[in-house]
Amino acid sequence: MADIQASDARFVRNGGDQRKAAEPCTIVIFGASGDLTARKLIPAFYHLAKDKQLPPAYRIIGFARRDKTDDSWRQELREALDEFSRTKPVDETLWRGFAANLFYCKGDLNDTAAYAKLEQRLSSFNSPPLRKNLLFYLATPPSQFGGVIEQLHSAKLLHKESNGHGWQRLVVEKPFGHDLASAHALNAELTRYAHEQQVCRIDHYLGKETVQNILMFRFSNSIFERLWNRETVDHVQITVSEKLGVGERGGYYEEAGALRDMVQNHMLQVLALVAMEPPVSLEAEAVRDEKVKLLKSIRELTPADVARQIVRGQYFAGSINGQPVPGYRQEPKVRPDSNVETYVALKFFIDNWRWSGVPFYLRTGKYLPMSASEVRIQFRPTPHVLFAAQCGRNLDTNAIALRLQPNEGIYLRFNGKVPGMSLGVRPVRMHFSYDAEFGAYTPEAYERLLLEAIVGDATLFIRRDEVETAWQIVDSIRKGWDGKPLTNREFYAAGTWGPVAADDLLAQGGHAWHEPVPVK
């Protein structure tokens, strides 16, 4: 294996060499005292510095209400890095150089004077790019986005037109609304004082190496792209399963549910990458155009379609790893008669030339037997002659599985003869493992996304029309659910693969769910 890897190394082609150089800039984190900053953002910036990916000059300013100094904030972040860094121990020399670029600005998000203080801190930097090239990370609830953006505009820190003002960009976390109307209103707030091109809607799922590899796998390998259509594909399954329950997030989940929490963003993003047409280039807008076209091609769902094609579920008490766990209705902050879904299975049809008639099955849920994300391309069965006629159901159909997490990899499933005198057949797998091929190093999703925000590459960020199209799909499903309680066939025991109704959904088309298989 080592010899093969060494010989293949000379064929490496670095398509990323065309990335724009990162210009000197200042990153301002609003809500800097929150969990996200300590767990994800600062460790990501630290590792970008370690890999020499940050600009030659940069500053990071934390903006929050708590009373802290530059030094006390740095000390807090240093302690957090010991816990959350993906490389340990922390490099003390590197940390000292990195920490010298960290500053704290105390202020309330609604206080105009606090933004004036922020402007003064920026003005104290002796480099014009550090004063004018600004990345604003809004690690705040979406309800506060509009107020922060208006204050930045009033303080002359955010400009729609450059005109010598350098560049400014906004990074916002999901959820991007809770339905189409709220998403539309939120997008209007975001673009009131900034262009759409200045807004980076961040979904950490798109920063995962394996999710990015979907396009590479499809469009750089002609043998697979030629199979990627209705002529050879029988159906597609996308599974995002979670072994954990709702836990302490019961209050949030009562408002969101699995449909809003997972389908509207992560799962539709993966579906778009799996099924989209080849973009005309790798430029950000070309890629995002094709994703939106794909989402707009999903067949519109009427309430009758929802009843036939969408299954919701909710877990009741069961066991995980032999340990008893409560049902959803017994979780903290959950109503005892709640009909909120902790599981969703969906059947979509894509009305375009490539995928006409091919069903796409998506499922996600809490308290399932394992945590995994996998895309399975199931090919059409072999004609019922020769081996298919002789072996019957023992002859499996071919499949390609893209394992997004954990045990990241890709495997091809085909049939092989069992050694011996008889004509025995058995499905076998040919697999590629990221860990075995490239080593254990995989950058955190936030590292890639933050770097792309700094250099201004929007490919991995979600465009306004993409957000609103996804909400349109989700809203049609929720409309079909209105006023309908869960049925007995929609409940499932924690630790199982979901409700009976989800199996019925696939059985209608003669299909069955395939459990994710670890790639070792």
Protein backbone atom coordinates (compact mmCIF):
# COMPACT_ATOMS: atom_id res chain seq x y z
CA MET A 1 0.00 0.00 0.00
CA ALA A 2 2.82 2.43 0.89
CA ASP A 3 4.50 1.79 -2.48
CA ILE A 4 1.25 2.46 -4.31
CA GLN A 5 0.70 5.71 -2.39
CA ALA A 6 4.26 6.84 -3.10
CA SER A 7 3.97 6.12 -6.80
CA ASP A 8 0.60 7.88 -7.02
CA ALA A 9 1.89 11.00 -5.27
CA ARG A 10 3.38 12.33 -8.51
CA PHE A 11 -0.11 12.52 -10.01
CA VAL A 12 -1.43 14.97 -7.42
CA ARG A 13 -3.06 17.97 -9.07
CA ASN A 14 -3.73 20.94 -6.82
CA GLY A 15 -6.88 22.50 -8.20
CA GLY A 16 -6.92 24.79 -5.14
CA ASP A 17 -3.78 26.61 -6.27
CA GLN A 18 -5.99 29.17 -8.01
CA ARG A 19 -7.43 30.45 -4.71
CA LYS A 20 -6.96 34.14 -4.19
CA ALA A 21 -4.33 35.15 -1.67
CA ALA A 22 -5.71 36.04 1.75
CA GLU A 23 -5.39 39.79 2.24
CA PRO A 24 -4.61 41.42 5.59
CA CYS A 25 -7.87 41.88 7.48
CA THR A 26 -9.58 42.08 10.85
CA ILE A 27 -12.15 39.53 11.99
CA VAL A 28 -14.78 40.77 14.46
CA ILE A 29 -16.74 38.09 16.32
CA PHE A 30 -20.06 39.31 17.72
CA GLY A 31 -21.25 37.16 20.60
CA ALA A 32 -17.64 36.27 21.36
CA SER A 33 -18.34 35.05 24.90
CA GLY A 34 -20.54 32.24 23.57
CA ASP A 35 -19.77 28.55 23.27
CA LEU A 36 -19.23 28.65 19.50
CA THR A 37 -16.23 30.97 19.78
CA ALA A 38 -14.38 28.83 22.31
CA ARG A 39 -15.27 25.43 20.85
CA LYS A 40 -15.03 26.08 17.11
CA LEU A 41 -13.95 29.53 15.92
CA ILE A 42 -10.76 30.21 17.87
CA PRO A 43 -9.47 26.61 17.47
CA ALA A 44 -10.14 26.94 13.74
CA PHE A 45 -8.24 30.24 13.49
CA TYR A 46 -5.41 28.77 15.58
CA HIS A 47 -5.03 25.84 13.19
CA LEU A 48 -5.20 28.12 10.15
CA ALA A 49 -2.32 30.06 11.71
CA LYS A 50 -0.48 26.81 12.39
CA ASP A 51 -0.87 25.78 8.75
CA LYS A 52 0.19 29.27 7.60
CA GLN A 53 -3.16 29.86 5.89
CA LEU A 54 -4.06 33.15 7.58
CA PRO A 55 -3.12 36.49 5.95
CA PRO A 56 0.36 37.90 6.60
CA ALA A 57 -1.27 40.41 8.95
CA TYR A 58 -4.55 39.90 10.79
CA ARG A 59 -6.42 40.84 13.97
CA ILE A 60 -9.30 39.05 15.72
CA ILE A 61 -11.60 41.15 17.93
CA GLY A 62 -14.14 39.60 20.25
CA PHE A 63 -17.24 41.74 20.83
CA ALA A 64 -19.52 40.84 23.78
CA ARG A 65 -21.22 42.30 26.86
CA ARG A 66 -19.13 40.63 29.55
CA ASP A 67 -16.47 42.64 31.31
CA LYS A 68 -13.10 41.32 30.09
CA THR A 69 -9.72 42.64 29.11
CA ASP A 70 -7.59 41.56 26.17
CA ASP A 71 -5.45 39.47 28.52
CA SER A 72 -8.31 37.81 30.40
CA TRP A 73 -10.03 36.89 27.12
CA ARG A 74 -6.79 35.45 25.77
CA GLN A 75 -6.39 33.37 28.93
CA GLU A 76 -9.94 32.00 28.61
CA LEU A 77 -9.32 31.04 25.00
CA ARG A 78 -5.99 29.41 25.86
CA GLU A 79 -7.72 27.16 28.39
CA ALA A 80 -10.47 26.34 25.88
CA LEU A 81 -7.86 25.46 23.27
CA ASP A 82 -6.42 22.80 25.58
CA GLU A 83 -9.83 21.13 25.49
CA PHE A 84 -11.02 21.72 21.93
CA SER A 85 -7.91 21.84 19.75
CA ARG A 86 -7.74 18.95 17.26
CA THR A 87 -3.93 18.84 17.72
CA LYS A 88 -2.44 18.44 21.17
CA PRO A 89 -0.51 19.64 23.01
CA VAL A 90 -0.94 23.27 22.03
CA ASP A 91 2.23 24.76 20.53
CA GLU A 92 3.16 27.46 23.07
CA THR A 93 5.37 29.44 20.68
CA LEU A 94 2.66 29.45 18.05
CA TRP A 95 0.02 30.36 20.62
CA ARG A 96 1.97 33.40 21.84
CA GLY A 97 2.25 34.75 18.30
CA PHE A 98 -1.40 33.98 17.62
CA ALA A 99 -2.64 35.44 20.94
CA ALA A 100 -0.87 38.75 20.22
CA ASN A 101 -3.49 39.26 17.48
CA LEU A 102 -6.48 38.70 19.79
CA PHE A 103 -8.33 41.70 21.25
CA TYR A 104 -11.54 42.23 23.19
CA CYS A 105 -14.16 44.94 22.87
CA LYS A 106 -16.83 45.15 25.56
CA GLY A 107 -20.21 46.29 24.34
CA ASP A 108 -23.91 45.61 24.03
CA LEU A 109 -25.12 44.69 20.55
CA ASN A 110 -27.76 47.44 20.73
CA ASP A 111 -25.48 50.17 22.09
CA THR A 112 -24.38 52.71 19.48
CA ALA A 113 -21.50 53.83 21.72
CA ALA A 114 -20.09 50.28 21.69
CA TYR A 115 -19.76 50.40 17.90
CA ALA A 116 -17.99 53.74 18.17
CA LYS A 117 -15.55 52.06 20.58
CA LEU A 118 -15.12 49.22 18.06
CA GLU A 119 -14.37 51.77 15.34
CA GLN A 120 -11.75 53.39 17.59
CA ARG A 121 -10.07 50.04 18.19
CA LEU A 122 -9.95 49.41 14.43
CA SER A 123 -8.57 52.89 13.81
CA SER A 124 -5.72 52.17 16.22
CA PHE A 125 -4.30 49.55 13.85
CA ASN A 126 -1.50 51.09 11.82
CA SER A 127 -2.28 49.20 8.60
CA PRO A 128 -5.08 50.46 6.30
CA PRO A 129 -6.13 46.90 5.29
CA LEU A 130 -6.54 45.98 8.97
CA ARG A 131 -8.86 48.96 9.37
CA LYS A 132 -10.88 48.49 6.17
CA ASN A 133 -10.89 44.78 5.26
CA LEU A 134 -13.37 43.48 7.81
CA LEU A 135 -14.98 40.08 8.32
CA PHE A 136 -17.92 40.30 10.73
CA TYR A 137 -18.90 36.95 12.25
CA LEU A 138 -22.38 37.10 13.76
CA ALA A 139 -22.31 34.33 16.37
CA THR A 140 -25.63 35.62 17.67
CA PRO A 141 -29.30 34.58 17.39
CA PRO A 142 -30.76 35.46 13.95
CA SER A 143 -33.16 37.90 15.63
CA GLN A 144 -30.15 40.15 16.33
CA PHE A 145 -28.67 40.11 12.80
CA GLY A 146 -30.63 43.12 11.58
CA GLY A 147 -29.72 45.32 14.54
CA VAL A 148 -26.00 44.50 14.36
CA ILE A 149 -25.86 45.16 10.62
CA GLU A 150 -27.67 48.49 10.97
CA GLN A 151 -25.29 49.57 13.73
CA LEU A 152 -22.26 48.60 11.61
CA HIS A 153 -23.64 50.65 8.73
CA SER A 154 -24.32 53.66 10.97
CA ALA A 155 -20.77 53.44 12.36
CA LYS A 156 -19.47 53.47 8.76
CA LEU A 157 -17.88 50.04 9.24
CA LEU A 158 -20.03 48.26 6.63
CA HIS A 159 -20.26 49.56 3.05
CA LYS A 160 -22.26 48.19 0.12
CA GLU A 161 -19.89 49.84 -2.33
CA SER A 162 -16.12 49.59 -1.84
CA ASN A 163 -15.11 53.06 -3.15
CA GLY A 164 -11.78 52.81 -1.40
CA HIS A 165 -13.34 51.36 1.76
CA GLY A 166 -11.69 47.97 1.34
CA TRP A 167 -13.99 44.94 1.65
CA GLN A 168 -16.45 43.88 4.32
CA ARG A 169 -18.23 40.52 4.61
CA LEU A 170 -20.86 39.11 6.95
CA VAL A 171 -20.79 35.52 8.20
CA VAL A 172 -24.05 34.25 9.68
CA GLU A 173 -24.94 30.92 11.29
CA LYS A 174 -28.08 28.91 10.64
CA PRO A 175 -30.99 28.69 11.20
CA PHE A 176 -31.77 31.02 8.31
CA GLY A 177 -35.37 31.50 9.38
CA HIS A 178 -37.96 28.89 10.42
CA ASP A 179 -40.10 29.00 7.26
CA LEU A 180 -40.12 30.69 3.85
CA ALA A 181 -41.64 33.95 5.10
CA SER A 182 -39.14 34.37 7.97
CA ALA A 183 -36.22 33.39 5.70
CA HIS A 184 -37.31 35.98 3.15
CA ALA A 185 -37.53 38.64 5.88
CA LEU A 186 -34.14 37.65 7.33
CA ASN A 187 -32.50 37.79 3.90
CA ALA A 188 -33.98 41.25 3.37
CA GLU A 189 -32.37 42.37 6.64
CA LEU A 190 -29.02 40.89 5.68
CA THR A 191 -28.96 42.61 2.30
CA ARG A 192 -30.35 45.96 3.43
CA TYR A 193 -26.87 47.37 3.96
CA ALA A 194 -24.78 44.72 2.16
CA HIS A 195 -24.78 43.02 -1.23
CA GLU A 196 -25.67 39.35 -1.47
CA GLN A 197 -22.03 38.76 -2.49
CA GLN A 198 -20.95 40.07 0.94
CA VAL A 199 -23.08 37.57 2.88
CA CYS A 200 -21.65 34.16 3.85
CA ARG A 201 -24.39 31.87 5.18
CA ILE A 202 -22.42 29.17 6.90
CA ASP A 203 -23.53 25.55 7.14
CA HIS A 204 -20.68 23.56 8.71
CA TYR A 205 -21.80 20.44 6.81
CA LEU A 206 -20.54 21.97 3.55
CA GLY A 207 -17.09 22.37 5.08
CA LYS A 208 -16.65 18.63 5.61
CA GLU A 209 -13.95 17.16 3.38
CA THR A 210 -16.13 14.23 2.34
CA VAL A 211 -19.06 16.46 1.35
CA GLN A 212 -16.74 18.54 -0.83
CA ASN A 213 -15.43 15.32 -2.35
CA ILE A 214 -18.85 14.50 -3.84
CA LEU A 215 -18.26 16.89 -6.74
CA MET A 216 -14.67 15.72 -7.18
CA PHE A 217 -15.76 12.08 -7.29
CA ARG A 218 -18.55 12.76 -9.77
CA PHE A 219 -16.98 15.16 -12.21
CA SER A 220 -13.33 14.07 -12.28
CA ASN A 221 -14.07 10.36 -12.88
CA SER A 222 -15.73 9.73 -16.23
CA ILE A 223 -16.49 6.07 -15.49
CA PHE A 224 -18.81 7.08 -12.65
CA GLU A 225 -20.33 10.20 -14.17
CA ARG A 226 -21.54 8.13 -17.12
CA LEU A 227 -23.47 5.91 -14.72
CA TRP A 228 -25.01 8.84 -12.85
CA ASN A 229 -28.43 8.96 -14.52
CA ARG A 230 -31.86 7.33 -14.90
CA GLU A 231 -30.55 4.77 -17.40
CA THR A 232 -28.46 2.92 -14.80
CA VAL A 233 -29.59 4.16 -11.36
CA ASP A 234 -32.59 2.45 -9.76
CA HIS A 235 -32.84 4.72 -6.72
CA VAL A 236 -30.71 6.77 -4.32
CA GLN A 237 -30.67 6.63 -0.52
CA ILE A 238 -29.28 9.38 1.71
CA THR A 239 -29.03 8.57 5.41
CA VAL A 240 -28.00 10.94 8.21
CA SER A 241 -28.50 9.02 11.44
CA GLU A 242 -27.75 10.17 14.98
CA LYS A 243 -27.14 7.88 17.93
CA LEU A 244 -27.89 10.67 20.41
CA GLY A 245 -31.33 11.81 21.47
CA VAL A 246 -32.59 15.34 21.92
CA GLY A 247 -31.13 15.60 25.43
CA GLU A 248 -31.07 19.16 26.77
CA ARG A 249 -32.21 20.62 23.44
CA GLY A 250 -35.87 19.72 23.99
CA GLY A 251 -37.00 23.35 23.98
CA TYR A 252 -35.26 24.02 20.66
CA TYR A 253 -36.46 20.78 19.13
CA GLU A 254 -40.08 21.56 20.02
CA GLU A 255 -39.77 24.55 17.68
CA ALA A 256 -37.61 22.94 15.00
CA GLY A 257 -38.11 19.18 14.69
CA ALA A 258 -36.02 16.97 12.43
CA LEU A 259 -37.45 18.51 9.26
CA ARG A 260 -36.23 22.01 10.05
CA ASP A 261 -33.14 20.92 11.95
CA MET A 262 -31.67 18.52 9.38
CA VAL A 263 -33.63 18.25 6.13
CA GLN A 264 -33.94 21.92 5.23
CA ASN A 265 -30.18 22.42 5.30
CA HIS A 266 -27.82 19.43 5.59
CA MET A 267 -29.81 16.83 3.68
CA LEU A 268 -30.98 19.06 0.85
CA GLN A 269 -27.40 20.31 0.49
CA VAL A 270 -26.12 16.76 0.06
CA LEU A 271 -28.96 15.92 -2.32
CA ALA A 272 -28.10 18.95 -4.46
CA LEU A 273 -24.42 17.96 -4.70
CA VAL A 274 -25.26 14.33 -5.51
CA ALA A 275 -27.82 15.09 -8.22
CA MET A 276 -26.87 18.49 -9.74
CA GLU A 277 -25.69 18.92 -13.33
CA PRO A 278 -22.02 19.70 -14.06
CA PRO A 279 -21.37 23.42 -13.58
CA VAL A 280 -19.84 25.34 -16.48
CA SER A 281 -16.84 26.12 -14.23
CA LEU A 282 -15.71 25.82 -10.63
CA GLU A 283 -16.48 29.48 -10.01
CA ALA A 284 -18.71 29.99 -6.98
CA GLU A 285 -21.78 31.26 -8.83
CA ALA A 286 -21.60 28.50 -11.46
CA VAL A 287 -21.65 25.80 -8.75
CA ARG A 288 -24.37 27.55 -6.75
CA ASP A 289 -26.49 28.06 -9.89
CA GLU A 290 -26.60 24.31 -10.49
CA LYS A 291 -27.49 23.55 -6.87
CA VAL A 292 -30.43 25.93 -7.05
CA LYS A 293 -31.57 24.47 -10.38
CA LEU A 294 -31.57 21.01 -8.83
CA LEU A 295 -33.62 22.10 -5.81
CA LYS A 296 -36.10 23.85 -8.08
CA SER A 297 -36.42 20.59 -10.07
CA ILE A 298 -37.72 18.63 -7.06
CA ARG A 299 -41.33 17.78 -7.81
CA GLU A 300 -43.75 19.98 -5.89
CA LEU A 301 -45.53 18.18 -3.08
CA THR A 302 -49.29 18.50 -2.59
CA PRO A 303 -50.87 17.50 0.76
CA ALA A 304 -51.83 14.18 -0.87
CA ASP A 305 -48.21 13.67 -1.98
CA VAL A 306 -47.02 14.39 1.55
CA ALA A 307 -49.30 11.66 2.90
CA ARG A 308 -47.85 9.16 0.40
CA GLN A 309 -44.19 10.22 0.23
CA ILE A 310 -43.22 11.67 3.62
CA VAL A 311 -42.99 9.79 6.91
CA ARG A 312 -42.39 11.41 10.27
CA GLY A 313 -41.54 9.54 13.42
CA GLN A 314 -40.91 10.04 17.11
CA TYR A 315 -38.88 7.84 19.45
CA PHE A 316 -40.28 6.31 22.58
CA ALA A 317 -38.29 4.73 25.43
CA GLY A 318 -35.74 2.14 24.37
CA SER A 319 -32.07 1.35 24.83
CA ILE A 320 -28.76 2.49 23.36
CA ASN A 321 -25.71 0.27 23.91
CA GLY A 322 -27.75 -1.73 26.39
CA GLN A 323 -28.59 1.36 28.47
CA PRO A 324 -32.23 2.46 28.88
CA VAL A 325 -33.08 5.90 27.47
CA PRO A 326 -36.31 7.92 27.78
CA GLY A 327 -38.82 8.63 25.07
CA TYR A 328 -38.97 12.05 23.42
CA ARG A 329 -42.07 13.05 25.37
CA GLN A 330 -40.19 12.40 28.61
CA GLU A 331 -37.25 14.65 27.65
CA PRO A 332 -36.81 18.02 29.48
CA LYS A 333 -38.83 20.94 28.04
CA VAL A 334 -40.88 18.65 25.76
CA ARG A 335 -44.69 18.67 25.89
CA PRO A 336 -46.12 15.33 27.11
CA ASP A 337 -48.42 15.18 24.06
CA SER A 338 -45.91 16.53 21.53
CA ASN A 339 -46.27 15.55 17.86
CA VAL A 340 -42.85 16.97 16.92
CA GLU A 341 -40.90 14.63 14.65
CA THR A 342 -37.52 13.24 15.74
CA TYR A 343 -37.33 11.21 12.51
CA VAL A 344 -38.18 11.96 8.89
CA ALA A 345 -38.12 9.75 5.79
CA LEU A 346 -38.83 11.35 2.43
CA LYS A 347 -39.32 10.23 -1.14
CA PHE A 348 -38.48 12.89 -3.72
CA PHE A 349 -38.67 12.88 -7.50
CA ILE A 350 -36.50 15.21 -9.56
CA ASP A 351 -38.20 16.36 -12.73
CA ASN A 352 -35.31 16.81 -15.13
CA TRP A 353 -33.84 14.78 -17.98
CA ARG A 354 -31.12 13.07 -15.92
CA TRP A 355 -33.29 11.82 -13.05
CA SER A 356 -36.80 11.45 -14.44
CA GLY A 357 -38.56 8.59 -12.63
CA VAL A 358 -35.71 7.85 -10.18
CA PRO A 359 -36.82 8.01 -6.51
CA PHE A 360 -34.54 9.70 -3.99
CA TYR A 361 -35.05 8.46 -0.44
CA LEU A 362 -33.81 10.58 2.45
CA ARG A 363 -33.96 9.73 6.15
CA THR A 364 -32.67 11.25 9.35
CA GLY A 365 -33.45 10.65 12.99
CA LYS A 366 -32.44 10.77 16.63
CA TYR A 367 -31.65 7.72 18.80
CA LEU A 368 -30.90 5.45 15.84
CA PRO A 369 -28.46 2.51 16.23
CA MET A 370 -25.42 4.43 14.95
CA SER A 371 -24.27 7.91 13.98
CA ALA A 372 -23.47 7.95 10.28
CA SER A 373 -23.94 9.93 7.07
CA GLU A 374 -24.00 7.99 3.82
CA VAL A 375 -25.13 8.37 0.23
CA ARG A 376 -25.95 5.10 -1.54
CA ILE A 377 -26.38 4.98 -5.32
CA GLN A 378 -28.33 1.78 -6.03
CA PHE A 379 -28.06 0.59 -9.62
CA ARG A 380 -30.68 -1.24 -11.63
CA PRO A 381 -30.88 -5.00 -11.13
CA THR A 382 -29.26 -7.42 -13.55
CA PRO A 383 -31.62 -8.75 -16.28
CA HIS A 384 -33.24 -12.01 -15.17
CA VAL A 385 -31.08 -14.26 -17.30
CA LEU A 386 -27.86 -16.18 -16.66
CA PHE A 387 -26.75 -15.62 -13.05
CA ALA A 388 -29.79 -13.57 -12.05
CA ALA A 389 -32.10 -16.39 -13.13
CA GLN A 390 -30.01 -19.00 -11.31
CA CYS A 391 -29.23 -17.11 -8.10
CA GLY A 392 -32.47 -15.20 -7.63
CA ARG A 393 -32.34 -12.93 -4.60
CA ASN A 394 -28.79 -13.99 -3.79
CA LEU A 395 -27.56 -11.83 -6.66
CA ASP A 396 -27.34 -8.34 -5.18
CA THR A 397 -27.65 -5.23 -7.28
CA ASN A 398 -24.52 -3.11 -7.64
CA ALA A 399 -24.15 0.00 -5.50
CA ILE A 400 -21.76 2.85 -4.80
CA ALA A 401 -21.76 4.25 -1.27
CA LEU A 402 -20.20 7.56 -0.29
CA ARG A 403 -19.54 7.43 3.44
CA LEU A 404 -19.45 11.03 4.68
CA GLN A 405 -18.89 10.22 8.36
CA PRO A 406 -17.49 8.42 10.32
CA ASN A 407 -14.96 6.00 8.73
CA GLU A 408 -15.00 8.30 5.70
CA GLY A 409 -14.65 6.54 2.39
CA ILE A 410 -16.24 5.25 -0.81
CA TYR A 411 -17.09 1.68 -1.66
CA LEU A 412 -18.33 -0.15 -4.73
CA ARG A 413 -20.50 -3.20 -4.15
CA PHE A 414 -20.51 -5.97 -6.77
CA ASN A 415 -20.95 -9.75 -6.97
CA GLY A 416 -18.10 -12.26 -6.92
CA LYS A 417 -17.79 -16.02 -7.14
CA VAL A 418 -17.21 -17.86 -3.89
CA PRO A 419 -14.10 -20.10 -4.23
CA GLY A 420 -15.01 -23.77 -4.59
CA MET A 421 -16.48 -26.32 -6.96
CA SER A 422 -20.01 -24.96 -6.85
CA LEU A 423 -21.18 -21.78 -8.58
CA GLY A 424 -21.65 -19.79 -5.38
CA VAL A 425 -22.06 -16.02 -5.48
CA ARG A 426 -21.56 -13.43 -2.78
CA PRO A 427 -21.68 -9.62 -2.75
CA VAL A 428 -18.24 -8.13 -2.11
CA ARG A 429 -16.93 -4.59 -1.62
CA MET A 430 -14.08 -2.67 -3.15
CA HIS A 431 -13.41 0.28 -0.91
CA PHE A 432 -11.36 3.44 -0.53
CA SER A 433 -10.71 4.78 2.97
CA TYR A 434 -9.66 8.40 3.56
CA ASP A 435 -7.74 7.41 6.66
CA ALA A 436 -5.81 4.59 4.95
CA GLU A 437 -5.06 6.60 1.81
CA PHE A 438 -4.36 10.08 3.13
CA GLY A 439 -3.72 9.57 6.85
CA ALA A 440 -5.83 10.68 9.77
CA TYR A 441 -5.51 14.43 9.12
CA THR A 442 -8.80 16.04 8.18
CA PRO A 443 -9.26 19.76 8.83
CA GLU A 444 -12.29 20.84 10.81
CA ALA A 445 -15.13 22.16 8.68
CA TYR A 446 -14.88 25.62 10.24
CA GLU A 447 -11.24 25.93 9.21
CA ARG A 448 -12.12 25.58 5.54
CA LEU A 449 -15.20 27.79 5.78
CA LEU A 450 -13.47 30.59 7.67
CA LEU A 451 -10.61 30.61 5.18
CA GLU A 452 -13.04 30.79 2.26
CA ALA A 453 -14.82 33.72 3.93
CA ILE A 454 -11.50 35.56 4.36
CA VAL A 455 -10.48 35.10 0.72
CA GLY A 456 -14.00 35.81 -0.57
CA ASP A 457 -14.79 32.46 -2.21
CA ALA A 458 -18.55 31.91 -1.89
CA THR A 459 -18.67 28.35 -3.28
CA LEU A 460 -19.29 26.69 0.09
CA PHE A 461 -21.77 29.27 1.33
CA ILE A 462 -25.49 29.20 0.75
CA ARG A 463 -27.05 31.77 -1.55
CA ARG A 464 -30.31 33.55 -0.81
CA ASP A 465 -32.35 31.80 -3.49
CA GLU A 466 -31.00 28.43 -2.35
CA VAL A 467 -32.17 29.06 1.22
CA GLU A 468 -35.62 30.17 0.11
CA THR A 469 -36.07 27.29 -2.33
CA ALA A 470 -35.23 24.79 0.43
CA TRP A 471 -37.75 26.43 2.76
CA GLN A 472 -40.40 26.27 0.04
CA ILE A 473 -39.94 22.48 -0.08
CA VAL A 474 -40.06 22.14 3.71
CA ASP A 475 -43.09 24.42 4.05
CA SER A 476 -45.08 22.26 1.63
CA ILE A 477 -44.34 19.23 3.83
CA ARG A 478 -45.34 20.99 7.04
CA LYS A 479 -48.55 22.15 5.39
CA GLY A 480 -49.40 18.51 4.66
CA TRP A 481 -48.82 17.65 8.34
CA ASP A 482 -50.97 20.45 9.77
CA GLY A 483 -53.46 19.18 12.33
CA LYS A 484 -52.53 15.51 11.88
CA PRO A 485 -51.32 13.63 14.97
CA LEU A 486 -48.70 10.89 14.80
CA THR A 487 -50.06 7.41 14.15
CA ASN A 488 -48.96 4.22 15.88
CA ARG A 489 -46.90 3.22 12.84
CA GLU A 490 -44.90 6.43 13.15
CA PHE A 491 -43.47 5.79 16.63
CA TYR A 492 -40.22 3.87 17.01
CA ALA A 493 -38.22 2.54 19.92
CA ALA A 494 -34.97 4.35 20.67
CA GLY A 495 -32.10 2.23 19.36
CA THR A 496 -33.95 1.00 16.26
CA TRP A 497 -33.78 2.22 12.67
CA GLY A 498 -37.06 4.11 12.73
CA PRO A 499 -40.80 3.57 12.44
CA VAL A 500 -42.53 0.82 10.49
CA ALA A 501 -44.07 3.49 8.28
CA ALA A 502 -40.58 4.29 6.90
CA ASP A 503 -40.16 0.67 5.78
CA ASP A 504 -43.61 0.83 4.17
CA LEU A 505 -42.53 3.91 2.21
CA LEU A 506 -39.76 2.01 0.42
CA ALA A 507 -41.74 -1.20 0.12
CA GLN A 508 -44.23 0.66 -2.12
CA GLY A 509 -41.53 0.73 -4.80
CA GLY A 510 -40.09 -2.71 -4.06
CA HIS A 511 -37.13 -1.23 -2.18
CA ALA A 512 -35.69 -1.52 1.33
CA TRP A 513 -33.46 0.66 3.46
CA HIS A 514 -29.76 -0.24 3.57
CA GLU A 515 -28.00 0.29 6.87
CA PRO A 516 -24.77 2.32 6.62
CA VAL A 517 -21.74 0.03 6.49
CA PRO A 518 -18.47 1.24 8.05
CA VAL A 519 -15.54 1.49 5.63
CA LYS A 520 -12.55 0.02 7.48
